[in-house]
Amino acid sequence: MSQKSERLSAYSITEHERGRSTWLKVGTAFVNRDGSINIYLEALPLSGKLQLRKEDPKDEESAAPAPGAAA
């Protein structure tokens, strides 16, 4: 029986004035059976910091372009 690895999203968080922040998804990560984590980045955060969060299927649906939408 194969165990599905946990999937995480990698975010770069930029702090702005007045306590506001912007979260930019920069990659995906997978938790291995031994507890180690592989991170696949599409961009590098300028701050050098990453926030790893469990992926929420609702977030992935809202980020996907609508069928027939121009790319």
PDB file of N, CA and C in Angstrom:
ATOM      1  N   MET A   1       0.849  -1.182   0.000  1.00  0.00           N
ATOM      2  CA  MET A   1       0.000   0.000   0.000  1.00  0.00           C
ATOM      3  C   MET A   1       0.891   1.240   0.000  1.00  0.00           C
ATOM      4  N   SER A   2       0.724   2.113  -0.972  1.00  0.00           N
ATOM      5  CA  SER A   2       1.536   3.324  -1.028  1.00  0.00           C
ATOM      6  C   SER A   2       0.860   4.437  -0.237  1.00  0.00           C
ATOM      7  N   GLN A   3       1.686   5.181   0.461  1.00  0.00           N
ATOM      8  CA  GLN A   3       1.169   6.285   1.275  1.00  0.00           C
ATOM      9  C   GLN A   3       1.339   7.581   0.490  1.00  0.00           C
ATOM     10  N   LYS A   4       0.268   8.370   0.386  1.00  0.00           N
ATOM     11  CA  LYS A   4       0.322   9.644  -0.327  1.00  0.00           C
ATOM     12  C   LYS A   4       1.094  10.644   0.522  1.00  0.00           C
ATOM     13  N   SER A   5       2.109  11.297  -0.088  1.00  0.00           N
ATOM     14  CA  SER A   5       2.894  12.269   0.663  1.00  0.00           C
ATOM     15  C   SER A   5       2.102  13.556   0.843  1.00  0.00           C
ATOM     16  N   GLU A   6       2.371  14.217   1.944  1.00  0.00           N
ATOM     17  CA  GLU A   6       1.693  15.484   2.231  1.00  0.00           C
ATOM     18  C   GLU A   6       2.246  16.565   1.315  1.00  0.00           C
ATOM     19  N   ARG A   7       1.349  17.352   0.729  1.00  0.00           N
ATOM     20  CA  ARG A   7       1.748  18.418  -0.195  1.00  0.00           C
ATOM     21  C   ARG A   7       1.587  19.761   0.498  1.00  0.00           C
ATOM     22  N   LEU A   8       2.605  20.606   0.342  1.00  0.00           N
ATOM     23  CA  LEU A   8       2.620  21.929   0.951  1.00  0.00           C
ATOM     24  C   LEU A   8       2.831  22.986  -0.125  1.00  0.00           C
ATOM     25  N   SER A   9       2.406  24.199   0.157  1.00  0.00           N
ATOM     26  CA  SER A   9       2.675  25.346  -0.715  1.00  0.00           C
ATOM     27  C   SER A   9       3.765  26.184  -0.061  1.00  0.00           C
ATOM     28  N   ALA A  10       4.676  26.711  -0.881  1.00  0.00           N
ATOM     29  CA  ALA A  10       5.752  27.579  -0.395  1.00  0.00           C
ATOM     30  C   ALA A  10       5.420  29.018  -0.775  1.00  0.00           C
ATOM     31  N   TYR A  11       5.435  29.903   0.211  1.00  0.00           N
ATOM     32  CA  TYR A  11       5.092  31.316  -0.012  1.00  0.00           C
ATOM     33  C   TYR A  11       6.237  32.224   0.409  1.00  0.00           C
ATOM     34  N   SER A  12       6.398  33.316  -0.321  1.00  0.00           N
ATOM     35  CA  SER A  12       7.263  34.419   0.078  1.00  0.00           C
ATOM     36  C   SER A  12       6.334  35.519   0.579  1.00  0.00           C
ATOM     37  N   ILE A  13       6.596  36.017   1.774  1.00  0.00           N
ATOM     38  CA  ILE A  13       5.730  37.039   2.365  1.00  0.00           C
ATOM     39  C   ILE A  13       6.498  38.353   2.434  1.00  0.00           C
ATOM     40  N   THR A  14       5.915  39.387   1.833  1.00  0.00           N
ATOM     41  CA  THR A  14       6.515  40.724   1.849  1.00  0.00           C
ATOM     42  C   THR A  14       5.700  41.608   2.782  1.00  0.00           C
ATOM     43  N   GLU A  15       6.365  42.186   3.776  1.00  0.00           N
ATOM     44  CA  GLU A  15       5.714  43.088   4.725  1.00  0.00           C
ATOM     45  C   GLU A  15       5.689  44.503   4.141  1.00  0.00           C
ATOM     46  N   HIS A  16       4.556  45.171   4.281  1.00  0.00           N
ATOM     47  CA  HIS A  16       4.393  46.539   3.784  1.00  0.00           C
ATOM     48  C   HIS A  16       4.067  47.474   4.948  1.00  0.00           C
ATOM     49  N   GLU A  17       3.944  48.753   4.633  1.00  0.00           N
ATOM     50  CA  GLU A  17       3.587  49.735   5.658  1.00  0.00           C
ATOM     51  C   GLU A  17       2.201  49.433   6.226  1.00  0.00           C
ATOM     52  N   ARG A  18       1.939  49.957   7.385  1.00  0.00           N
ATOM     53  CA  ARG A  18       0.640  49.822   8.069  1.00  0.00           C
ATOM     54  C   ARG A  18       0.276  48.370   8.380  1.00  0.00           C
ATOM     55  N   GLY A  19       1.291  47.513   8.520  1.00  0.00           N
ATOM     56  CA  GLY A  19       1.037  46.136   8.940  1.00  0.00           C
ATOM     57  C   GLY A  19       0.486  45.209   7.871  1.00  0.00           C
ATOM     58  N   ARG A  20       0.440  45.663   6.641  1.00  0.00           N
ATOM     59  CA  ARG A  20      -0.086  44.828   5.559  1.00  0.00           C
ATOM     60  C   ARG A  20       1.024  43.937   5.007  1.00  0.00           C
ATOM     61  N   SER A  21       0.637  42.808   4.425  1.00  0.00           N
ATOM     62  CA  SER A  21       1.615  41.916   3.820  1.00  0.00           C
ATOM     63  C   SER A  21       1.038  41.296   2.552  1.00  0.00           C
ATOM     64  N   THR A  22       1.930  40.900   1.664  1.00  0.00           N
ATOM     65  CA  THR A  22       1.553  40.246   0.422  1.00  0.00           C
ATOM     66  C   THR A  22       2.146  38.841   0.420  1.00  0.00           C
ATOM     67  N   TRP A  23       1.312  37.839   0.135  1.00  0.00           N
ATOM     68  CA  TRP A  23       1.763  36.454   0.057  1.00  0.00           C
ATOM     69  C   TRP A  23       1.840  36.063  -1.409  1.00  0.00           C
ATOM     70  N   LEU A  24       2.994  35.573  -1.851  1.00  0.00           N
ATOM     71  CA  LEU A  24       3.185  35.146  -3.226  1.00  0.00           C
ATOM     72  C   LEU A  24       3.605  33.681  -3.221  1.00  0.00           C
ATOM     73  N   LYS A  25       2.818  32.829  -3.876  1.00  0.00           N
ATOM     74  CA  LYS A  25       3.180  31.413  -3.946  1.00  0.00           C
ATOM     75  C   LYS A  25       4.373  31.277  -4.875  1.00  0.00           C
ATOM     76  N   VAL A  26       5.474  30.697  -4.360  1.00  0.00           N
ATOM     77  CA  VAL A  26       6.700  30.563  -5.136  1.00  0.00           C
ATOM     78  C   VAL A  26       7.095  29.116  -5.380  1.00  0.00           C
ATOM     79  N   GLY A  27       6.300  28.169  -4.864  1.00  0.00           N
ATOM     80  CA  GLY A  27       6.653  26.776  -5.096  1.00  0.00           C
ATOM     81  C   GLY A  27       5.780  25.803  -4.337  1.00  0.00           C
ATOM     82  N   THR A  28       6.203  24.532  -4.406  1.00  0.00           N
ATOM     83  CA  THR A  28       5.488  23.428  -3.776  1.00  0.00           C
ATOM     84  C   THR A  28       6.497  22.573  -3.017  1.00  0.00           C
ATOM     85  N   ALA A  29       6.043  21.938  -1.952  1.00  0.00           N
ATOM     86  CA  ALA A  29       6.908  21.072  -1.156  1.00  0.00           C
ATOM     87  C   ALA A  29       6.186  19.768  -0.848  1.00  0.00           C
ATOM     88  N   PHE A  30       6.968  18.708  -0.650  1.00  0.00           N
ATOM     89  CA  PHE A  30       6.417  17.396  -0.331  1.00  0.00           C
ATOM     90  C   PHE A  30       7.137  16.838   0.884  1.00  0.00           C
ATOM     91  N   VAL A  31       6.366  16.292   1.834  1.00  0.00           N
ATOM     92  CA  VAL A  31       6.935  15.665   3.020  1.00  0.00           C
ATOM     93  C   VAL A  31       7.178  14.199   2.679  1.00  0.00           C
ATOM     94  N   ASN A  32       8.411  13.751   2.856  1.00  0.00           N
ATOM     95  CA  ASN A  32       8.785  12.376   2.574  1.00  0.00           C
ATOM     96  C   ASN A  32       8.438  11.451   3.736  1.00  0.00           C
ATOM     97  N   ARG A  33       8.493  10.148   3.479  1.00  0.00           N
ATOM     98  CA  ARG A  33       8.163   9.163   4.522  1.00  0.00           C
ATOM     99  C   ARG A  33       9.029   9.309   5.765  1.00  0.00           C
ATOM    100  N   ASP A  34      10.281   9.735   5.590  1.00  0.00           N
ATOM    101  CA  ASP A  34      11.185   9.860   6.733  1.00  0.00           C
ATOM    102  C   ASP A  34      11.063  11.212   7.433  1.00  0.00           C
ATOM    103  N   GLY A  35      10.106  12.048   6.988  1.00  0.00           N
ATOM    104  CA  GLY A  35       9.884  13.346   7.623  1.00  0.00           C
ATOM    105  C   GLY A  35      10.656  14.485   6.983  1.00  0.00           C
ATOM    106  N   SER A  36      11.580  14.176   6.073  1.00  0.00           N
ATOM    107  CA  SER A  36      12.307  15.241   5.374  1.00  0.00           C
ATOM    108  C   SER A  36      11.373  15.900   4.358  1.00  0.00           C
ATOM    109  N   ILE A  37      11.772  17.055   3.857  1.00  0.00           N
ATOM    110  CA  ILE A  37      10.917  17.824   2.950  1.00  0.00           C
ATOM    111  C   ILE A  37      11.701  18.176   1.684  1.00  0.00           C
ATOM    112  N   ASN A  38      11.087  17.926   0.529  1.00  0.00           N
ATOM    113  CA  ASN A  38      11.634  18.385  -0.755  1.00  0.00           C
ATOM    114  C   ASN A  38      10.862  19.631  -1.158  1.00  0.00           C
ATOM    115  N   ILE A  39      11.584  20.704  -1.516  1.00  0.00           N
ATOM    116  CA  ILE A  39      10.946  21.955  -1.912  1.00  0.00           C
ATOM    117  C   ILE A  39      11.331  22.260  -3.358  1.00  0.00           C
ATOM    118  N   TYR A  40      10.315  22.522  -4.181  1.00  0.00           N
ATOM    119  CA  TYR A  40      10.511  22.854  -5.586  1.00  0.00           C
ATOM    120  C   TYR A  40      10.064  24.300  -5.797  1.00  0.00           C
ATOM    121  N   LEU A  41      11.039  25.188  -6.048  1.00  0.00           N
ATOM    122  CA  LEU A  41      10.747  26.612  -6.170  1.00  0.00           C
ATOM    123  C   LEU A  41      10.686  27.049  -7.623  1.00  0.00           C
ATOM    124  N   GLU A  42       9.737  27.927  -7.921  1.00  0.00           N
ATOM    125  CA  GLU A  42       9.627  28.555  -9.233  1.00  0.00           C
ATOM    126  C   GLU A  42      10.228  29.947  -9.206  1.00  0.00           C
ATOM    127  N   ALA A  43      10.446  30.483  -8.010  1.00  0.00           N
ATOM    128  CA  ALA A  43      11.044  31.805  -7.820  1.00  0.00           C
ATOM    129  C   ALA A  43      11.777  31.794  -6.484  1.00  0.00           C
ATOM    130  N   LEU A  44      12.735  32.688  -6.328  1.00  0.00           N
ATOM    131  CA  LEU A  44      13.470  32.788  -5.073  1.00  0.00           C
ATOM    132  C   LEU A  44      13.024  34.036  -4.319  1.00  0.00           C
ATOM    133  N   PRO A  45      12.695  33.893  -3.033  1.00  0.00           N
ATOM    134  CA  PRO A  45      12.289  35.071  -2.259  1.00  0.00           C
ATOM    135  C   PRO A  45      13.497  35.969  -1.980  1.00  0.00           C
ATOM    136  N   LEU A  46      13.340  37.264  -2.167  1.00  0.00           N
ATOM    137  CA  LEU A  46      14.435  38.199  -1.923  1.00  0.00           C
ATOM    138  C   LEU A  46      14.848  38.218  -0.460  1.00  0.00           C
ATOM    139  N   SER A  47      13.892  37.967   0.431  1.00  0.00           N
ATOM    140  CA  SER A  47      14.188  37.985   1.865  1.00  0.00           C
ATOM    141  C   SER A  47      14.929  36.737   2.312  1.00  0.00           C
ATOM    142  N   GLY A  48      14.886  35.677   1.491  1.00  0.00           N
ATOM    143  CA  GLY A  48      15.512  34.413   1.885  1.00  0.00           C
ATOM    144  C   GLY A  48      14.629  33.581   2.798  1.00  0.00           C
ATOM    145  N   LYS A  49      13.401  34.035   3.061  1.00  0.00           N
ATOM    146  CA  LYS A  49      12.485  33.327   3.955  1.00  0.00           C
ATOM    147  C   LYS A  49      11.341  32.711   3.164  1.00  0.00           C
ATOM    148  N   LEU A  50      10.931  31.505   3.588  1.00  0.00           N
ATOM    149  CA  LEU A  50       9.780  30.827   3.002  1.00  0.00           C
ATOM    150  C   LEU A  50       8.790  30.474   4.096  1.00  0.00           C
ATOM    151  N   GLN A  51       7.533  30.485   3.772  1.00  0.00           N
ATOM    152  CA  GLN A  51       6.463  30.011   4.664  1.00  0.00           C
ATOM    153  C   GLN A  51       5.870  28.781   3.986  1.00  0.00           C
ATOM    154  N   LEU A  52       5.905  27.632   4.660  1.00  0.00           N
ATOM    155  CA  LEU A  52       5.308  26.411   4.124  1.00  0.00           C
ATOM    156  C   LEU A  52       3.963  26.200   4.792  1.00  0.00           C
ATOM    157  N   ARG A  53       2.927  25.994   3.978  1.00  0.00           N
ATOM    158  CA  ARG A  53       1.569  25.788   4.474  1.00  0.00           C
ATOM    159  C   ARG A  53       0.959  24.576   3.799  1.00  0.00           C
ATOM    160  N   LYS A  54       0.097  23.851   4.515  1.00  0.00           N
ATOM    161  CA  LYS A  54      -0.641  22.762   3.901  1.00  0.00           C
ATOM    162  C   LYS A  54      -1.488  23.341   2.787  1.00  0.00           C
ATOM    163  N   GLU A  55      -1.516  22.645   1.638  1.00  0.00           N
ATOM    164  CA  GLU A  55      -2.312  23.130   0.522  1.00  0.00           C
ATOM    165  C   GLU A  55      -3.791  22.970   0.815  1.00  0.00           C
ATOM    166  N   ASP A  56      -4.550  23.968   0.434  1.00  0.00           N
ATOM    167  CA  ASP A  56      -5.999  23.951   0.590  1.00  0.00           C
ATOM    168  C   ASP A  56      -6.589  23.792  -0.806  1.00  0.00           C
ATOM    169  N   PRO A  57      -7.306  22.692  -1.073  1.00  0.00           N
ATOM    170  CA  PRO A  57      -7.865  22.484  -2.416  1.00  0.00           C
ATOM    171  C   PRO A  57      -8.713  23.654  -2.901  1.00  0.00           C
ATOM    172  N   LYS A  58      -9.382  24.363  -2.002  1.00  0.00           N
ATOM    173  CA  LYS A  58     -10.194  25.521  -2.395  1.00  0.00           C
ATOM    174  C   LYS A  58      -9.320  26.618  -2.987  1.00  0.00           C
ATOM    175  N   ASP A  59      -8.112  26.821  -2.420  1.00  0.00           N
ATOM    176  CA  ASP A  59      -7.202  27.847  -2.930  1.00  0.00           C
ATOM    177  C   ASP A  59      -6.721  27.501  -4.333  1.00  0.00           C
ATOM    178  N   GLU A  60      -6.440  26.232  -4.584  1.00  0.00           N
ATOM    179  CA  GLU A  60      -5.976  25.801  -5.893  1.00  0.00           C
ATOM    180  C   GLU A  60      -7.060  25.999  -6.941  1.00  0.00           C
ATOM    181  N   GLU A  61      -8.311  25.732  -6.591  1.00  0.00           N
ATOM    182  CA  GLU A  61      -9.430  25.915  -7.530  1.00  0.00           C
ATOM    183  C   GLU A  61      -9.592  27.376  -7.895  1.00  0.00           C
ATOM    184  N   SER A  62      -9.488  28.273  -6.909  1.00  0.00           N
ATOM    185  CA  SER A  62      -9.688  29.699  -7.175  1.00  0.00           C
ATOM    186  C   SER A  62      -8.522  30.288  -7.961  1.00  0.00           C
ATOM    187  N   ALA A  63      -7.318  29.677  -7.871  1.00  0.00           N
ATOM    188  CA  ALA A  63      -6.160  30.184  -8.575  1.00  0.00           C
ATOM    189  C   ALA A  63      -6.119  29.695 -10.021  1.00  0.00           C
ATOM    190  N   ALA A  64      -6.835  28.627 -10.334  1.00  0.00           N
ATOM    191  CA  ALA A  64      -6.833  28.067 -11.689  1.00  0.00           C
ATOM    192  C   ALA A  64      -7.657  28.950 -12.613  1.00  0.00           C
ATOM    193  N   PRO A  65      -7.189  29.135 -13.850  1.00  0.00           N
ATOM    194  CA  PRO A  65      -7.972  29.938 -14.788  1.00  0.00           C
ATOM    195  C   PRO A  65      -9.271  29.223 -15.163  1.00  0.00           C
ATOM    196  N   ALA A  66     -10.276  29.995 -15.445  1.00  0.00           N
ATOM    197  CA  ALA A  66     -11.565  29.428 -15.834  1.00  0.00           C
ATOM    198  C   ALA A  66     -11.441  28.766 -17.199  1.00  0.00           C
ATOM    199  N   PRO A  67     -12.180  27.660 -17.429  1.00  0.00           N
ATOM    200  CA  PRO A  67     -12.115  27.012 -18.744  1.00  0.00           C
ATOM    201  C   PRO A  67     -12.442  27.997 -19.855  1.00  0.00           C
ATOM    202  N   GLY A  68     -11.622  27.999 -20.896  1.00  0.00           N
ATOM    203  CA  GLY A  68     -11.849  28.891 -22.025  1.00  0.00           C
ATOM    204  C   GLY A  68     -11.267  30.281 -21.840  1.00  0.00           C
ATOM    205  N   ALA A  69     -10.690  30.559 -20.648  1.00  0.00           N
ATOM    206  CA  ALA A  69     -10.107  31.893 -20.401  1.00  0.00           C
ATOM    207  C   ALA A  69      -8.784  32.005 -21.116  1.00  0.00           C
ATOM    208  N   ALA A  70      -8.458  33.194 -21.590  1.00  0.00           N
ATOM    209  CA  ALA A  70      -7.172  33.434 -22.257  1.00  0.00           C
ATOM    210  C   ALA A  70      -6.054  33.352 -21.230  1.00  0.00           C
ATOM    211  N   ALA A  71      -4.957  32.726 -21.610  1.00  0.00           N
ATOM    212  CA  ALA A  71      -3.831  32.560 -20.678  1.00  0.00           C
ATOM    213  C   ALA A  71      -2.893  33.726 -20.710  1.00  0.00           C
TER     214      ALA A  71
END
